C-alpha cells in the first residue's frame, strides 16, 4: 500500500490528522443507546459458560465432578446439602472492526464518500474500545481481498490502525478481482469459529446476500455481539427530480425525470432492501445504526449520543 497524501479534501480522502482527532473524541464517549441489553461502546465480553473467574454467578447444589474447593460450607451446614459457588469466566476483551472499503463505497452525491464515513466511524469506535482495554483487530474489505490485522491493545495500536485506514483510502480504487463483500467476511468468521468478540461492521451493505448473510449473522450472534453501521447516500434511496445520466467504465444510463414508473420501482426496491437489512439485525436482536454521507461523521455520532442519553436517563 502507498502512504496517504497530506493534502486533499477530507471528504474524499481519509486524513490521519482527522482520524486521530475522532479517536480522541471517541475515547471519551460513554453512552447507553436504547438497544436492550446491548451497549454500543461497552467493553463487556464475558463468556457464556461458568468458570473460576472473579465475578460471582450463582449458588447451586454440588454435582459430581465439581471442585470441592468451591463448596460454600456455611450454606452446606445450614441446609444439610452441599452447595458450590460458581463464577463467570473472564475472557480477554476483543473487538473486531470490519471496514468495507470496496470500490462501491467510493461514492457520495454530496458530503463525504461512504468509504470516508466508514473509516471515521471505525476510528471513533476504536478510540472507545482502546480505552476499554480491548484487543483490537482490523479487517479491511476490498474488491481484491480482505486484509486482516491483529493490532493488539493499548494506545500504541492507534497510529498503526489510522495509518492502515489512510493508506487504503489513498490506494483505492483497487483493481477489481474476486468480490470480497461483507457476506464473504461473515462466512470467513463463521468458518474460523470466532467467538466472544465484539464485531463492528461499517458498510453500505449494498451487495449483502440476505439469504446467506442472515444465516452467518445468526451463527455469529450466538457467541458474539454484533453492531451494524449502515452508511448510505440519499441518492440511493430516491432518484433526483431532474433528469440525469449515470454510468461506469462499462455502461451508461439516461434517467428521465418524467419516467415515473422507473422512479417508483427504484424507490420501492431501495425501501425493500433497507427493510430487509433492518429485519436481519432485528431477528438476531443486534443493533443497526444508520449514517448518511450528507452529514459530518462526528455530528451524527453526537446526535445519537444525545438520543441515547434521553433513553438511558442521562444528561
C-alpha atoms as a PDB file:
ATOM      1  CA  UNK A   1       0.000   0.000   0.000  1.00  0.00           C
ATOM      2  CA  UNK A   2       1.073   3.582  -0.571  1.00  0.00           C
ATOM      3  CA  UNK A   3       1.238   6.315   2.017  1.00  0.00           C
ATOM      4  CA  UNK A   4      -1.733   8.629   2.177  1.00  0.00           C
ATOM      5  CA  UNK A   5      -1.159  12.191   0.945  1.00  0.00           C
ATOM      6  CA  UNK A   6      -1.113  15.009   3.477  1.00  0.00           C
ATOM      7  CA  UNK A   7      -3.433  17.118   1.337  1.00  0.00           C
ATOM      8  CA  UNK A   8      -6.823  16.938  -0.340  1.00  0.00           C
ATOM      9  CA  UNK A   9     -10.435  17.292   0.667  1.00  0.00           C
ATOM     10  CA  UNK A  10     -11.100  15.244   3.818  1.00  0.00           C
ATOM     11  CA  UNK A  11     -14.499  14.330   2.367  1.00  0.00           C
ATOM     12  CA  UNK A  12     -12.790  12.416  -0.443  1.00  0.00           C
ATOM     13  CA  UNK A  13      -9.651  11.036   1.207  1.00  0.00           C
ATOM     14  CA  UNK A  14      -9.246   9.749   4.744  1.00  0.00           C
ATOM     15  CA  UNK A  15      -6.911  12.059   6.680  1.00  0.00           C
ATOM     16  CA  UNK A  16      -4.705  10.774   9.506  1.00  0.00           C
ATOM     17  CA  UNK A  17      -4.993  14.013  11.484  1.00  0.00           C
ATOM     18  CA  UNK A  18      -8.786  13.930  11.341  1.00  0.00           C
ATOM     19  CA  UNK A  19      -8.882  10.246  12.352  1.00  0.00           C
ATOM     20  CA  UNK A  20      -6.610  10.972  15.307  1.00  0.00           C
ATOM     21  CA  UNK A  21      -8.985  13.691  16.491  1.00  0.00           C
ATOM     22  CA  UNK A  22     -12.041  11.443  16.072  1.00  0.00           C
ATOM     23  CA  UNK A  23     -10.364   8.647  18.023  1.00  0.00           C
ATOM     24  CA  UNK A  24      -9.679  11.083  20.850  1.00  0.00           C
ATOM     25  CA  UNK A  25     -13.320  12.217  20.854  1.00  0.00           C
ATOM     26  CA  UNK A  26     -14.486   8.615  20.747  1.00  0.00           C
ATOM     27  CA  UNK A  27     -12.332   7.642  23.722  1.00  0.00           C
ATOM     28  CA  UNK A  28     -14.375   9.990  25.908  1.00  0.00           C
ATOM     29  CA  UNK A  29     -17.752   8.608  24.876  1.00  0.00           C
ATOM     30  CA  UNK A  30     -19.855   6.836  27.458  1.00  0.00           C
ATOM     31  CA  UNK A  31     -23.288   6.116  26.150  1.00  0.00           C
ATOM     32  CA  UNK A  32     -26.042   3.558  26.509  1.00  0.00           C
ATOM     33  CA  UNK A  33     -28.182   3.514  23.335  1.00  0.00           C
ATOM     34  CA  UNK A  34     -31.680   2.023  23.538  1.00  0.00           C
ATOM     35  CA  UNK A  35     -30.723  -1.458  22.348  1.00  0.00           C
ATOM     36  CA  UNK A  36     -31.970  -3.645  25.173  1.00  0.00           C
ATOM     37  CA  UNK A  37     -29.122  -5.444  26.866  1.00  0.00           C
ATOM     38  CA  UNK A  38     -26.547  -4.208  24.364  1.00  0.00           C
ATOM     39  CA  UNK A  39     -24.381  -1.178  24.969  1.00  0.00           C
ATOM     40  CA  UNK A  40     -22.794   0.161  21.793  1.00  0.00           C
ATOM     41  CA  UNK A  41     -19.460   1.024  23.287  1.00  0.00           C
ATOM     42  CA  UNK A  42     -19.298  -1.215  26.314  1.00  0.00           C
ATOM     43  CA  UNK A  43     -16.308  -3.468  26.792  1.00  0.00           C
ATOM     44  CA  UNK A  44     -18.222  -6.279  28.471  1.00  0.00           C
ATOM     45  CA  UNK A  45     -17.078  -9.526  26.901  1.00  0.00           C
ATOM     46  CA  UNK A  46     -17.786 -12.252  29.403  1.00  0.00           C
ATOM     47  CA  UNK A  47     -18.088 -15.874  28.437  1.00  0.00           C
ATOM     48  CA  UNK A  48     -21.387 -17.707  28.284  1.00  0.00           C
ATOM     49  CA  UNK A  49     -20.086 -20.576  30.399  1.00  0.00           C
ATOM     50  CA  UNK A  50     -19.279 -20.758  34.090  1.00  0.00           C
ATOM     51  CA  UNK A  51     -15.721 -20.953  35.283  1.00  0.00           C
ATOM     52  CA  UNK A  52     -13.432 -19.761  38.034  1.00  0.00           C
ATOM     53  CA  UNK A  53     -13.242 -16.051  37.354  1.00  0.00           C
ATOM     54  CA  UNK A  54     -13.624 -13.274  39.878  1.00  0.00           C
ATOM     55  CA  UNK A  55     -17.317 -12.433  39.463  1.00  0.00           C
ATOM     56  CA  UNK A  56     -19.825 -14.476  41.446  1.00  0.00           C
ATOM     57  CA  UNK A  57     -22.556 -16.025  39.270  1.00  0.00           C
ATOM     58  CA  UNK A  58     -24.732 -18.300  41.371  1.00  0.00           C
ATOM     59  CA  UNK A  59     -25.030 -20.737  44.249  1.00  0.00           C
ATOM     60  CA  UNK A  60     -26.163 -24.262  43.284  1.00  0.00           C
ATOM     61  CA  UNK A  61     -26.160 -27.804  44.587  1.00  0.00           C
ATOM     62  CA  UNK A  62     -22.948 -29.787  44.400  1.00  0.00           C
ATOM     63  CA  UNK A  63     -22.689 -32.102  41.397  1.00  0.00           C
ATOM     64  CA  UNK A  64     -20.287 -34.996  40.863  1.00  0.00           C
ATOM     65  CA  UNK A  65     -17.053 -33.610  39.466  1.00  0.00           C
ATOM     66  CA  UNK A  66     -17.366 -30.109  40.974  1.00  0.00           C
ATOM     67  CA  UNK A  67     -14.269 -28.647  42.587  1.00  0.00           C
ATOM     68  CA  UNK A  68     -14.648 -29.281  46.321  1.00  0.00           C
ATOM     69  CA  UNK A  69     -12.753 -26.049  46.946  1.00  0.00           C
ATOM     70  CA  UNK A  70     -15.826 -24.221  45.643  1.00  0.00           C
ATOM     71  CA  UNK A  71     -18.139 -25.654  48.296  1.00  0.00           C
ATOM     72  CA  UNK A  72     -19.823 -22.980  50.407  1.00  0.00           C
ATOM     73  CA  UNK A  73     -19.546 -24.594  53.819  1.00  0.00           C
ATOM     74  CA  UNK A  74     -21.817 -22.111  55.582  1.00  0.00           C
ATOM     75  CA  UNK A  75     -24.706 -22.781  53.210  1.00  0.00           C
ATOM     76  CA  UNK A  76     -23.949 -26.504  53.217  1.00  0.00           C
ATOM     77  CA  UNK A  77     -24.070 -26.604  57.023  1.00  0.00           C
ATOM     78  CA  UNK A  78     -27.269 -24.569  57.161  1.00  0.00           C
ATOM     79  CA  UNK A  79     -29.161 -26.601  54.546  1.00  0.00           C
ATOM     80  CA  UNK A  80     -27.684 -30.010  55.145  1.00  0.00           C
ATOM     81  CA  UNK A  81     -26.854 -30.331  51.440  1.00  0.00           C
ATOM     82  CA  UNK A  82     -23.606 -29.488  49.661  1.00  0.00           C
ATOM     83  CA  UNK A  83     -23.666 -26.217  47.688  1.00  0.00           C
ATOM     84  CA  UNK A  84     -20.948 -24.728  45.490  1.00  0.00           C
ATOM     85  CA  UNK A  85     -20.309 -21.147  44.424  1.00  0.00           C
ATOM     86  CA  UNK A  86     -19.863 -20.612  40.669  1.00  0.00           C
ATOM     87  CA  UNK A  87     -18.264 -17.680  38.916  1.00  0.00           C
ATOM     88  CA  UNK A  88     -18.326 -16.210  35.429  1.00  0.00           C
ATOM     89  CA  UNK A  89     -15.187 -16.943  33.487  1.00  0.00           C
ATOM     90  CA  UNK A  90     -13.496 -13.750  32.413  1.00  0.00           C
ATOM     91  CA  UNK A  91     -12.045 -13.540  28.922  1.00  0.00           C
ATOM     92  CA  UNK A  92      -9.843 -11.096  27.136  1.00  0.00           C
ATOM     93  CA  UNK A  93     -11.879  -8.258  25.663  1.00  0.00           C
ATOM     94  CA  UNK A  94     -11.620  -8.453  21.874  1.00  0.00           C
ATOM     95  CA  UNK A  95     -13.182  -6.162  19.282  1.00  0.00           C
ATOM     96  CA  UNK A  96     -13.038  -6.579  15.527  1.00  0.00           C
ATOM     97  CA  UNK A  97     -13.528  -3.571  13.244  1.00  0.00           C
ATOM     98  CA  UNK A  98     -14.839  -4.763   9.868  1.00  0.00           C
ATOM     99  CA  UNK A  99     -14.485  -1.815   7.493  1.00  0.00           C
ATOM    100  CA  UNK A 100     -15.900  -2.015   3.966  1.00  0.00           C
ATOM    101  CA  UNK A 101     -13.583  -0.238   1.527  1.00  0.00           C
ATOM    102  CA  UNK A 102     -14.752  -1.807  -1.712  1.00  0.00           C
ATOM    103  CA  UNK A 103     -14.990   0.361  -4.819  1.00  0.00           C
ATOM    104  CA  UNK A 104     -18.725   0.985  -4.455  1.00  0.00           C
ATOM    105  CA  UNK A 105     -18.038   2.676  -1.104  1.00  0.00           C
ATOM    106  CA  UNK A 106     -16.252   5.463  -3.006  1.00  0.00           C
ATOM    107  CA  UNK A 107     -19.453   7.317  -3.731  1.00  0.00           C
ATOM    108  CA  UNK A 108     -21.383  10.320  -2.433  1.00  0.00           C
ATOM    109  CA  UNK A 109     -23.820  12.664  -4.118  1.00  0.00           C
ATOM    110  CA  UNK A 110     -22.842  15.268  -1.523  1.00  0.00           C
ATOM    111  CA  UNK A 111     -20.769  15.377   1.664  1.00  0.00           C
ATOM    112  CA  UNK A 112     -18.189  12.670   2.390  1.00  0.00           C
ATOM    113  CA  UNK A 113     -17.671   9.436   0.497  1.00  0.00           C
ATOM    114  CA  UNK A 114     -19.145   6.347   2.136  1.00  0.00           C
ATOM    115  CA  UNK A 115     -15.602   4.963   2.410  1.00  0.00           C
ATOM    116  CA  UNK A 116     -14.520   8.018   4.422  1.00  0.00           C
ATOM    117  CA  UNK A 117     -17.546   7.827   6.748  1.00  0.00           C
ATOM    118  CA  UNK A 118     -16.789   4.127   7.358  1.00  0.00           C
ATOM    119  CA  UNK A 119     -13.148   4.850   8.213  1.00  0.00           C
ATOM    120  CA  UNK A 120     -14.077   7.734  10.505  1.00  0.00           C
ATOM    121  CA  UNK A 121     -16.764   5.786  12.350  1.00  0.00           C
ATOM    122  CA  UNK A 122     -14.422   2.847  12.871  1.00  0.00           C
ATOM    123  CA  UNK A 123     -11.864   5.197  14.397  1.00  0.00           C
ATOM    124  CA  UNK A 124     -14.426   6.673  16.798  1.00  0.00           C
ATOM    125  CA  UNK A 125     -15.290   3.160  17.973  1.00  0.00           C
ATOM    126  CA  UNK A 126     -11.613   2.191  18.134  1.00  0.00           C
ATOM    127  CA  UNK A 127     -10.918   5.138  20.413  1.00  0.00           C
ATOM    128  CA  UNK A 128     -13.523   3.879  22.879  1.00  0.00           C
ATOM    129  CA  UNK A 129     -12.505   0.225  22.601  1.00  0.00           C
ATOM    130  CA  UNK A 130      -8.839   1.016  23.204  1.00  0.00           C
ATOM    131  CA  UNK A 131      -9.848   2.989  26.281  1.00  0.00           C
ATOM    132  CA  UNK A 132     -11.773  -0.102  27.446  1.00  0.00           C
ATOM    133  CA  UNK A 133      -8.595  -2.182  27.171  1.00  0.00           C
ATOM    134  CA  UNK A 134      -9.787  -4.270  24.228  1.00  0.00           C
ATOM    135  CA  UNK A 135      -7.541  -6.246  21.928  1.00  0.00           C
ATOM    136  CA  UNK A 136      -8.233  -4.631  18.530  1.00  0.00           C
ATOM    137  CA  UNK A 137      -8.466  -6.430  15.188  1.00  0.00           C
ATOM    138  CA  UNK A 138      -8.956  -4.570  11.899  1.00  0.00           C
ATOM    139  CA  UNK A 139     -10.463  -6.275   8.842  1.00  0.00           C
ATOM    140  CA  UNK A 140     -10.382  -4.189   5.661  1.00  0.00           C
ATOM    141  CA  UNK A 141     -12.715  -5.438   2.918  1.00  0.00           C
ATOM    142  CA  UNK A 142     -11.564  -4.513  -0.584  1.00  0.00           C
ATOM    143  CA  UNK A 143     -12.531  -5.839  -4.006  1.00  0.00           C
ATOM    144  CA  UNK A 144      -9.408  -7.971  -4.490  1.00  0.00           C
ATOM    145  CA  UNK A 145      -9.270  -9.394  -0.955  1.00  0.00           C
ATOM    146  CA  UNK A 146      -9.836  -8.955   2.786  1.00  0.00           C
ATOM    147  CA  UNK A 147      -6.860  -7.647   4.767  1.00  0.00           C
ATOM    148  CA  UNK A 148      -6.770  -8.831   8.380  1.00  0.00           C
ATOM    149  CA  UNK A 149      -4.635  -7.125  11.025  1.00  0.00           C
ATOM    150  CA  UNK A 150      -4.324  -8.168  14.679  1.00  0.00           C
ATOM    151  CA  UNK A 151      -3.213  -4.864  16.172  1.00  0.00           C
ATOM    152  CA  UNK A 152      -3.109  -5.599  19.899  1.00  0.00           C
ATOM    153  CA  UNK A 153      -4.223  -3.434  22.791  1.00  0.00           C
ATOM    154  CA  UNK A 154      -3.354  -0.067  24.283  1.00  0.00           C
ATOM    155  CA  UNK A 155      -2.979   3.361  22.771  1.00  0.00           C
ATOM    156  CA  UNK A 156       0.140   2.282  20.903  1.00  0.00           C
ATOM    157  CA  UNK A 157      -2.077   0.470  18.336  1.00  0.00           C
ATOM    158  CA  UNK A 158      -3.929   3.627  17.316  1.00  0.00           C
ATOM    159  CA  UNK A 159      -1.263   5.098  14.991  1.00  0.00           C
ATOM    160  CA  UNK A 160      -0.982   1.784  13.138  1.00  0.00           C
ATOM    161  CA  UNK A 161      -4.746   1.491  12.764  1.00  0.00           C
ATOM    162  CA  UNK A 162      -5.033   5.048  11.477  1.00  0.00           C
ATOM    163  CA  UNK A 163      -2.147   4.523   9.043  1.00  0.00           C
ATOM    164  CA  UNK A 164      -3.810   1.405   7.614  1.00  0.00           C
ATOM    165  CA  UNK A 165      -7.098   3.230   7.076  1.00  0.00           C
ATOM    166  CA  UNK A 166      -5.380   6.228   5.491  1.00  0.00           C
ATOM    167  CA  UNK A 167      -3.243   4.027   3.235  1.00  0.00           C
ATOM    168  CA  UNK A 168      -6.171   2.029   1.901  1.00  0.00           C
ATOM    169  CA  UNK A 169      -8.017   5.274   1.194  1.00  0.00           C
ATOM    170  CA  UNK A 170      -5.088   6.656  -0.793  1.00  0.00           C
ATOM    171  CA  UNK A 171      -4.560   3.463  -2.811  1.00  0.00           C
ATOM    172  CA  UNK A 172      -8.154   2.959  -3.929  1.00  0.00           C
ATOM    173  CA  UNK A 173      -9.938   2.287  -6.149  1.00  0.00           C
ATOM    174  CA  UNK A 174      -8.104  -1.015  -6.303  1.00  0.00           C
ATOM    175  CA  UNK A 175      -8.236  -3.340  -9.313  1.00  0.00           C
ATOM    176  CA  UNK A 176     -11.340  -5.459  -9.463  1.00  0.00           C
ATOM    177  CA  UNK A 177     -10.915  -9.119  -8.616  1.00  0.00           C
ATOM    178  CA  UNK A 178     -12.946 -11.739  -6.818  1.00  0.00           C
ATOM    179  CA  UNK A 179     -15.616  -9.746  -4.998  1.00  0.00           C
ATOM    180  CA  UNK A 180     -14.982  -9.768  -1.229  1.00  0.00           C
ATOM    181  CA  UNK A 181     -18.005  -8.271   0.429  1.00  0.00           C
ATOM    182  CA  UNK A 182     -19.464  -8.306   3.914  1.00  0.00           C
ATOM    183  CA  UNK A 183     -21.097 -11.684   3.221  1.00  0.00           C
ATOM    184  CA  UNK A 184     -17.682 -13.213   2.440  1.00  0.00           C
ATOM    185  CA  UNK A 185     -16.236 -11.695   5.597  1.00  0.00           C
ATOM    186  CA  UNK A 186     -19.016 -13.101   7.786  1.00  0.00           C
ATOM    187  CA  UNK A 187     -18.604 -16.545   6.217  1.00  0.00           C
ATOM    188  CA  UNK A 188     -14.885 -16.449   6.996  1.00  0.00           C
ATOM    189  CA  UNK A 189     -15.575 -15.553  10.638  1.00  0.00           C
ATOM    190  CA  UNK A 190     -18.093 -18.401  10.920  1.00  0.00           C
ATOM    191  CA  UNK A 191     -15.664 -20.860   9.319  1.00  0.00           C
ATOM    192  CA  UNK A 192     -12.962 -19.823  11.784  1.00  0.00           C
ATOM    193  CA  UNK A 193     -15.448 -20.153  14.668  1.00  0.00           C
ATOM    194  CA  UNK A 194     -14.812 -16.638  16.002  1.00  0.00           C
ATOM    195  CA  UNK A 195     -16.298 -16.338  19.486  1.00  0.00           C
ATOM    196  CA  UNK A 196     -16.569 -13.950  22.422  1.00  0.00           C
ATOM    197  CA  UNK A 197     -15.803 -10.843  20.384  1.00  0.00           C
ATOM    198  CA  UNK A 198     -17.497  -7.546  19.643  1.00  0.00           C
ATOM    199  CA  UNK A 199     -17.922  -7.299  15.882  1.00  0.00           C
ATOM    200  CA  UNK A 200     -18.405  -3.812  14.410  1.00  0.00           C
ATOM    201  CA  UNK A 201     -19.402  -3.762  10.734  1.00  0.00           C
ATOM    202  CA  UNK A 202     -19.085  -0.493   8.780  1.00  0.00           C
ATOM    203  CA  UNK A 203     -20.598  -0.823   5.305  1.00  0.00           C
ATOM    204  CA  UNK A 204     -23.335   0.236   2.903  1.00  0.00           C
ATOM    205  CA  UNK A 205     -24.393  -3.454   2.820  1.00  0.00           C
ATOM    206  CA  UNK A 206     -25.284  -2.888  -0.815  1.00  0.00           C
ATOM    207  CA  UNK A 207     -24.077  -6.303  -2.003  1.00  0.00           C
ATOM    208  CA  UNK A 208     -25.127  -8.088   1.177  1.00  0.00           C
ATOM    209  CA  UNK A 209     -26.614 -11.524   0.465  1.00  0.00           C
ATOM    210  CA  UNK A 210     -29.750 -11.562   2.620  1.00  0.00           C
ATOM    211  CA  UNK A 211     -30.264 -15.306   2.332  1.00  0.00           C
ATOM    212  CA  UNK A 212     -26.720 -16.366   3.200  1.00  0.00           C
ATOM    213  CA  UNK A 213     -25.823 -13.315   5.253  1.00  0.00           C
ATOM    214  CA  UNK A 214     -28.607 -13.666   7.804  1.00  0.00           C
ATOM    215  CA  UNK A 215     -27.510 -17.242   8.412  1.00  0.00           C
ATOM    216  CA  UNK A 216     -23.950 -16.110   9.102  1.00  0.00           C
ATOM    217  CA  UNK A 217     -25.171 -13.286  11.334  1.00  0.00           C
ATOM    218  CA  UNK A 218     -27.386 -15.688  13.241  1.00  0.00           C
ATOM    219  CA  UNK A 219     -24.498 -18.086  13.838  1.00  0.00           C
ATOM    220  CA  UNK A 220     -22.076 -15.345  14.895  1.00  0.00           C
ATOM    221  CA  UNK A 221     -24.639 -13.744  17.208  1.00  0.00           C
ATOM    222  CA  UNK A 222     -24.756 -16.945  19.268  1.00  0.00           C
ATOM    223  CA  UNK A 223     -21.325 -16.204  20.723  1.00  0.00           C
ATOM    224  CA  UNK A 224     -20.569 -12.575  19.803  1.00  0.00           C
ATOM    225  CA  UNK A 225     -22.065  -9.101  19.983  1.00  0.00           C
ATOM    226  CA  UNK A 226     -22.596  -7.597  16.530  1.00  0.00           C
ATOM    227  CA  UNK A 227     -23.056  -3.904  15.731  1.00  0.00           C
ATOM    228  CA  UNK A 228     -24.001  -2.813  12.231  1.00  0.00           C
ATOM    229  CA  UNK A 229     -23.186   0.664  10.926  1.00  0.00           C
ATOM    230  CA  UNK A 230     -25.214   1.188   7.755  1.00  0.00           C
ATOM    231  CA  UNK A 231     -23.769   4.011   5.646  1.00  0.00           C
ATOM    232  CA  UNK A 232     -25.908   5.263   2.768  1.00  0.00           C
ATOM    233  CA  UNK A 233     -26.370   8.176   0.409  1.00  0.00           C
ATOM    234  CA  UNK A 234     -29.810   9.800  -0.096  1.00  0.00           C
ATOM    235  CA  UNK A 235     -29.467   9.268  -3.842  1.00  0.00           C
ATOM    236  CA  UNK A 236     -29.546   5.503  -3.217  1.00  0.00           C
ATOM    237  CA  UNK A 237     -32.992   5.794  -1.654  1.00  0.00           C
ATOM    238  CA  UNK A 238     -34.669   8.142  -4.114  1.00  0.00           C
ATOM    239  CA  UNK A 239     -33.752   9.407  -7.560  1.00  0.00           C
ATOM    240  CA  UNK A 240     -33.495  13.187  -8.039  1.00  0.00           C
ATOM    241  CA  UNK A 241     -36.412  15.019  -9.587  1.00  0.00           C
ATOM    242  CA  UNK A 242     -34.332  16.233 -12.529  1.00  0.00           C
ATOM    243  CA  UNK A 243     -33.077  14.162 -15.477  1.00  0.00           C
ATOM    244  CA  UNK A 244     -29.549  12.764 -15.243  1.00  0.00           C
ATOM    245  CA  UNK A 245     -27.018  10.453 -16.867  1.00  0.00           C
ATOM    246  CA  UNK A 246     -25.144   7.885 -14.760  1.00  0.00           C
ATOM    247  CA  UNK A 247     -22.606   5.247 -15.676  1.00  0.00           C
ATOM    248  CA  UNK A 248     -19.351   3.446 -15.030  1.00  0.00           C
ATOM    249  CA  UNK A 249     -16.475   2.261 -17.189  1.00  0.00           C
ATOM    250  CA  UNK A 250     -18.743  -0.241 -18.948  1.00  0.00           C
ATOM    251  CA  UNK A 251     -22.261   1.181 -19.107  1.00  0.00           C
ATOM    252  CA  UNK A 252     -24.176   4.458 -19.305  1.00  0.00           C
ATOM    253  CA  UNK A 253     -27.802   5.056 -18.384  1.00  0.00           C
ATOM    254  CA  UNK A 254     -30.036   8.061 -19.020  1.00  0.00           C
ATOM    255  CA  UNK A 255     -32.673   8.650 -16.329  1.00  0.00           C
ATOM    256  CA  UNK A 256     -35.595  10.873 -17.241  1.00  0.00           C
ATOM    257  CA  UNK A 257     -37.371  12.933 -14.625  1.00  0.00           C
ATOM    258  CA  UNK A 258     -40.685  12.146 -16.356  1.00  0.00           C
ATOM    259  CA  UNK A 259     -40.269   8.352 -16.079  1.00  0.00           C
ATOM    260  CA  UNK A 260     -42.492   7.961 -13.014  1.00  0.00           C
ATOM    261  CA  UNK A 261     -42.550   4.165 -13.295  1.00  0.00           C
ATOM    262  CA  UNK A 262     -38.756   3.964 -13.042  1.00  0.00           C
ATOM    263  CA  UNK A 263     -38.689   6.344 -10.080  1.00  0.00           C
ATOM    264  CA  UNK A 264     -41.376   4.348  -8.287  1.00  0.00           C
ATOM    265  CA  UNK A 265     -39.633   0.983  -8.850  1.00  0.00           C
ATOM    266  CA  UNK A 266     -36.306   2.415  -7.738  1.00  0.00           C
ATOM    267  CA  UNK A 267     -37.790   3.817  -4.515  1.00  0.00           C
ATOM    268  CA  UNK A 268     -39.671   0.589  -3.772  1.00  0.00           C
ATOM    269  CA  UNK A 269     -36.586  -1.587  -4.279  1.00  0.00           C
ATOM    270  CA  UNK A 270     -34.447   0.708  -2.127  1.00  0.00           C
ATOM    271  CA  UNK A 271     -37.052   0.654   0.638  1.00  0.00           C
ATOM    272  CA  UNK A 272     -37.322  -3.125   0.478  1.00  0.00           C
ATOM    273  CA  UNK A 273     -33.539  -3.506   0.660  1.00  0.00           C
ATOM    274  CA  UNK A 274     -33.343  -1.239   3.707  1.00  0.00           C
ATOM    275  CA  UNK A 275     -36.227  -3.030   5.424  1.00  0.00           C
ATOM    276  CA  UNK A 276     -34.650  -6.432   4.783  1.00  0.00           C
ATOM    277  CA  UNK A 277     -31.381  -5.298   6.346  1.00  0.00           C
ATOM    278  CA  UNK A 278     -33.164  -3.866   9.375  1.00  0.00           C
ATOM    279  CA  UNK A 279     -35.139  -7.094   9.678  1.00  0.00           C
ATOM    280  CA  UNK A 280     -31.963  -9.190   9.569  1.00  0.00           C
ATOM    281  CA  UNK A 281     -30.438  -7.350  12.520  1.00  0.00           C
ATOM    282  CA  UNK A 282     -33.756  -7.236  14.351  1.00  0.00           C
ATOM    283  CA  UNK A 283     -34.095 -11.010  14.024  1.00  0.00           C
ATOM    284  CA  UNK A 284     -30.778 -11.610  15.773  1.00  0.00           C
ATOM    285  CA  UNK A 285     -31.505  -8.833  18.279  1.00  0.00           C
ATOM    286  CA  UNK A 286     -28.399  -6.847  17.384  1.00  0.00           C
ATOM    287  CA  UNK A 287     -28.312  -3.059  16.768  1.00  0.00           C
ATOM    288  CA  UNK A 288     -28.119  -1.458  13.338  1.00  0.00           C
ATOM    289  CA  UNK A 289     -27.165   2.237  13.272  1.00  0.00           C
ATOM    290  CA  UNK A 290     -27.808   4.327  10.172  1.00  0.00           C
ATOM    291  CA  UNK A 291     -25.470   7.047   8.901  1.00  0.00           C
ATOM    292  CA  UNK A 292     -25.549   9.267   5.825  1.00  0.00           C
ATOM    293  CA  UNK A 293     -22.909  10.783   3.567  1.00  0.00           C
ATOM    294  CA  UNK A 294     -24.633  14.182   3.761  1.00  0.00           C
ATOM    295  CA  UNK A 295     -23.704  14.939   7.367  1.00  0.00           C
ATOM    296  CA  UNK A 296     -20.444  15.202   9.262  1.00  0.00           C
ATOM    297  CA  UNK A 297     -19.470  11.944  10.964  1.00  0.00           C
ATOM    298  CA  UNK A 298     -18.982  13.343  14.451  1.00  0.00           C
ATOM    299  CA  UNK A 299     -22.186  15.390  14.284  1.00  0.00           C
ATOM    300  CA  UNK A 300     -24.101  12.184  13.589  1.00  0.00           C
ATOM    301  CA  UNK A 301     -22.379  10.392  16.473  1.00  0.00           C
ATOM    302  CA  UNK A 302     -23.151  13.284  18.818  1.00  0.00           C
ATOM    303  CA  UNK A 303     -26.793  13.233  17.731  1.00  0.00           C
ATOM    304  CA  UNK A 304     -27.076   9.517  18.556  1.00  0.00           C
ATOM    305  CA  UNK A 305     -25.277  10.142  21.824  1.00  0.00           C
ATOM    306  CA  UNK A 306     -27.876  12.748  22.769  1.00  0.00           C
ATOM    307  CA  UNK A 307     -30.739  10.385  21.914  1.00  0.00           C
ATOM    308  CA  UNK A 308     -29.185   7.547  23.929  1.00  0.00           C
ATOM    309  CA  UNK A 309     -28.810   9.863  26.929  1.00  0.00           C
ATOM    310  CA  UNK A 310     -32.543  10.585  26.835  1.00  0.00           C
ATOM    311  CA  UNK A 311     -33.416   6.884  26.713  1.00  0.00           C
ATOM    312  CA  UNK A 312     -30.998   5.972  29.487  1.00  0.00           C
ATOM    313  CA  UNK A 313     -31.965   8.922  31.686  1.00  0.00           C
ATOM    314  CA  UNK A 314     -28.547  10.519  31.295  1.00  0.00           C
ATOM    315  CA  UNK A 315     -27.695  14.154  30.796  1.00  0.00           C
END
